[in-house]
Amino acid sequence: MTRLSLILVIIGALNWLLVGLFQFDLVASLFGGQDAWLSRVVYTLVGLAGIYTISLLFRDRAEV
């Protein structure tokens, strides 16, 4: 679950990088625009993953 959440957060961060630098929304262009249901699903999953990864800030680190 943690690895999947981190992957989704990285995808979201890269998408925001593209929006910030080039005004290009990759998710919207791949899935039919910002209002398309599939784009909204991706945005929702990325947002939920971001909320989940907040918990990583408060976990104790285990020594390996």
N, C-alpha and C. Protein backbone atom coordinates (compact mmCIF):
# COMPACT_ATOMS: atom_id res chain seq x y z
N MET A 1 0.82 -1.19 0.00
CA MET A 1 0.00 0.00 0.00
C MET A 1 0.87 1.26 0.00
N THR A 2 1.92 1.24 0.79
CA THR A 2 2.80 2.40 0.87
C THR A 2 3.50 2.64 -0.45
N ARG A 3 4.00 1.60 -1.06
CA ARG A 3 4.72 1.75 -2.34
C ARG A 3 3.77 2.28 -3.42
N LEU A 4 2.56 1.75 -3.48
CA LEU A 4 1.59 2.23 -4.47
C LEU A 4 1.25 3.70 -4.23
N SER A 5 1.09 4.07 -2.98
CA SER A 5 0.80 5.46 -2.66
C SER A 5 1.94 6.37 -3.08
N LEU A 6 3.16 5.95 -2.82
CA LEU A 6 4.30 6.77 -3.22
C LEU A 6 4.40 6.91 -4.73
N ILE A 7 4.10 5.84 -5.46
CA ILE A 7 4.12 5.91 -6.92
C ILE A 7 3.08 6.91 -7.42
N LEU A 8 1.88 6.87 -6.84
CA LEU A 8 0.83 7.80 -7.25
C LEU A 8 1.18 9.24 -6.91
N VAL A 9 1.80 9.45 -5.76
CA VAL A 9 2.22 10.80 -5.38
C VAL A 9 3.30 11.31 -6.33
N ILE A 10 4.21 10.45 -6.72
CA ILE A 10 5.26 10.85 -7.68
C ILE A 10 4.63 11.19 -9.03
N ILE A 11 3.66 10.40 -9.48
CA ILE A 11 2.96 10.70 -10.73
C ILE A 11 2.29 12.07 -10.64
N GLY A 12 1.64 12.32 -9.53
CA GLY A 12 0.99 13.62 -9.34
C GLY A 12 1.99 14.76 -9.32
N ALA A 13 3.13 14.55 -8.67
CA ALA A 13 4.15 15.59 -8.62
C ALA A 13 4.72 15.87 -10.01
N LEU A 14 4.95 14.83 -10.78
CA LEU A 14 5.45 15.03 -12.14
C LEU A 14 4.42 15.74 -13.01
N ASN A 15 3.16 15.42 -12.81
CA ASN A 15 2.11 16.10 -13.57
C ASN A 15 2.08 17.59 -13.22
N TRP A 16 2.20 17.91 -11.93
CA TRP A 16 2.23 19.32 -11.52
C TRP A 16 3.49 20.03 -12.03
N LEU A 17 4.58 19.32 -12.12
CA LEU A 17 5.79 19.90 -12.70
C LEU A 17 5.54 20.30 -14.15
N LEU A 18 4.89 19.42 -14.91
CA LEU A 18 4.58 19.73 -16.30
C LEU A 18 3.60 20.90 -16.41
N VAL A 19 2.63 20.95 -15.50
CA VAL A 19 1.69 22.07 -15.51
C VAL A 19 2.42 23.37 -15.20
N GLY A 20 3.29 23.33 -14.22
CA GLY A 20 4.01 24.54 -13.83
C GLY A 20 4.99 25.05 -14.87
N LEU A 21 5.70 24.14 -15.51
CA LEU A 21 6.73 24.55 -16.46
C LEU A 21 6.19 24.81 -17.87
N PHE A 22 5.26 23.96 -18.30
CA PHE A 22 4.84 23.99 -19.70
C PHE A 22 3.33 24.20 -19.89
N GLN A 23 2.58 24.38 -18.80
CA GLN A 23 1.13 24.48 -18.85
C GLN A 23 0.53 23.30 -19.61
N PHE A 24 1.04 22.11 -19.32
CA PHE A 24 0.60 20.87 -19.97
C PHE A 24 0.18 19.87 -18.91
N ASP A 25 -1.08 19.50 -18.92
CA ASP A 25 -1.62 18.54 -17.97
C ASP A 25 -1.63 17.16 -18.64
N LEU A 26 -0.65 16.33 -18.28
CA LEU A 26 -0.49 15.02 -18.91
C LEU A 26 -1.68 14.11 -18.62
N VAL A 27 -2.17 14.12 -17.39
CA VAL A 27 -3.30 13.26 -17.03
C VAL A 27 -4.52 13.63 -17.88
N ALA A 28 -4.79 14.91 -17.99
CA ALA A 28 -5.95 15.36 -18.77
C ALA A 28 -5.78 14.99 -20.24
N SER A 29 -4.58 15.13 -20.77
CA SER A 29 -4.39 14.83 -22.19
C SER A 29 -4.47 13.33 -22.46
N LEU A 30 -4.08 12.50 -21.50
CA LEU A 30 -4.15 11.06 -21.70
C LEU A 30 -5.56 10.51 -21.56
N PHE A 31 -6.35 11.12 -20.68
CA PHE A 31 -7.65 10.54 -20.34
C PHE A 31 -8.84 11.39 -20.76
N GLY A 32 -8.65 12.33 -21.68
CA GLY A 32 -9.79 13.01 -22.28
C GLY A 32 -10.20 14.32 -21.66
N GLY A 33 -9.29 15.03 -21.03
CA GLY A 33 -9.62 16.34 -20.46
C GLY A 33 -9.82 16.27 -18.96
N GLN A 34 -9.80 17.44 -18.33
CA GLN A 34 -9.91 17.49 -16.88
C GLN A 34 -11.29 17.06 -16.38
N ASP A 35 -12.30 17.22 -17.19
CA ASP A 35 -13.65 16.87 -16.76
C ASP A 35 -14.04 15.43 -17.07
N ALA A 36 -13.19 14.70 -17.76
CA ALA A 36 -13.49 13.30 -18.08
C ALA A 36 -13.49 12.47 -16.80
N TRP A 37 -14.35 11.49 -16.75
CA TRP A 37 -14.49 10.70 -15.52
C TRP A 37 -13.20 9.95 -15.19
N LEU A 38 -12.48 9.50 -16.20
CA LEU A 38 -11.24 8.75 -15.94
C LEU A 38 -10.16 9.68 -15.37
N SER A 39 -10.09 10.89 -15.86
CA SER A 39 -9.16 11.87 -15.30
C SER A 39 -9.50 12.16 -13.85
N ARG A 40 -10.77 12.30 -13.58
CA ARG A 40 -11.19 12.58 -12.20
C ARG A 40 -10.86 11.42 -11.27
N VAL A 41 -10.95 10.20 -11.79
CA VAL A 41 -10.57 9.02 -10.98
C VAL A 41 -9.08 9.08 -10.66
N VAL A 42 -8.26 9.39 -11.67
CA VAL A 42 -6.81 9.48 -11.45
C VAL A 42 -6.50 10.58 -10.45
N TYR A 43 -7.11 11.77 -10.63
CA TYR A 43 -6.88 12.87 -9.68
C TYR A 43 -7.29 12.47 -8.26
N THR A 44 -8.40 11.76 -8.14
CA THR A 44 -8.87 11.33 -6.82
C THR A 44 -7.91 10.33 -6.20
N LEU A 45 -7.43 9.37 -6.98
CA LEU A 45 -6.48 8.38 -6.46
C LEU A 45 -5.18 9.04 -6.02
N VAL A 46 -4.70 10.00 -6.80
CA VAL A 46 -3.47 10.71 -6.44
C VAL A 46 -3.69 11.49 -5.14
N GLY A 47 -4.83 12.14 -5.02
CA GLY A 47 -5.14 12.88 -3.79
C GLY A 47 -5.23 11.98 -2.57
N LEU A 48 -5.90 10.84 -2.71
CA LEU A 48 -5.99 9.90 -1.59
C LEU A 48 -4.62 9.34 -1.23
N ALA A 49 -3.80 9.10 -2.24
CA ALA A 49 -2.44 8.62 -1.98
C ALA A 49 -1.64 9.67 -1.22
N GLY A 50 -1.84 10.93 -1.57
CA GLY A 50 -1.16 12.01 -0.85
C GLY A 50 -1.57 12.07 0.60
N ILE A 51 -2.85 11.90 0.85
CA ILE A 51 -3.34 11.90 2.23
C ILE A 51 -2.76 10.71 3.00
N TYR A 52 -2.72 9.56 2.35
CA TYR A 52 -2.16 8.37 3.01
C TYR A 52 -0.67 8.55 3.33
N THR A 53 0.08 9.17 2.43
CA THR A 53 1.52 9.30 2.66
C THR A 53 1.85 10.30 3.76
N ILE A 54 0.89 11.11 4.16
CA ILE A 54 1.11 11.99 5.32
C ILE A 54 1.45 11.13 6.54
N SER A 55 0.87 9.95 6.63
CA SER A 55 1.14 9.08 7.77
C SER A 55 2.60 8.64 7.82
N LEU A 56 3.30 8.67 6.69
CA LEU A 56 4.72 8.29 6.68
C LEU A 56 5.57 9.26 7.49
N LEU A 57 5.11 10.49 7.61
CA LEU A 57 5.85 11.48 8.40
C LEU A 57 5.89 11.12 9.88
N PHE A 58 4.90 10.39 10.33
CA PHE A 58 4.76 10.13 11.76
C PHE A 58 5.11 8.70 12.15
N ARG A 59 5.60 7.90 11.22
CA ARG A 59 5.99 6.53 11.53
C ARG A 59 7.41 6.49 12.04
N ASP A 60 7.67 5.56 12.95
CA ASP A 60 9.03 5.34 13.41
C ASP A 60 9.79 4.57 12.35
N ARG A 61 11.02 4.93 12.18
CA ARG A 61 11.86 4.22 11.22
C ARG A 61 12.46 2.99 11.87
N ALA A 62 12.42 1.90 11.14
CA ALA A 62 13.05 0.66 11.62
C ALA A 62 14.43 0.56 11.01
N GLU A 63 15.40 0.20 11.84
CA GLU A 63 16.75 0.03 11.32
C GLU A 63 16.85 -1.26 10.55
N VAL A 64 17.50 -1.20 9.41
CA VAL A 64 17.65 -2.40 8.58
C VAL A 64 19.05 -2.92 8.70
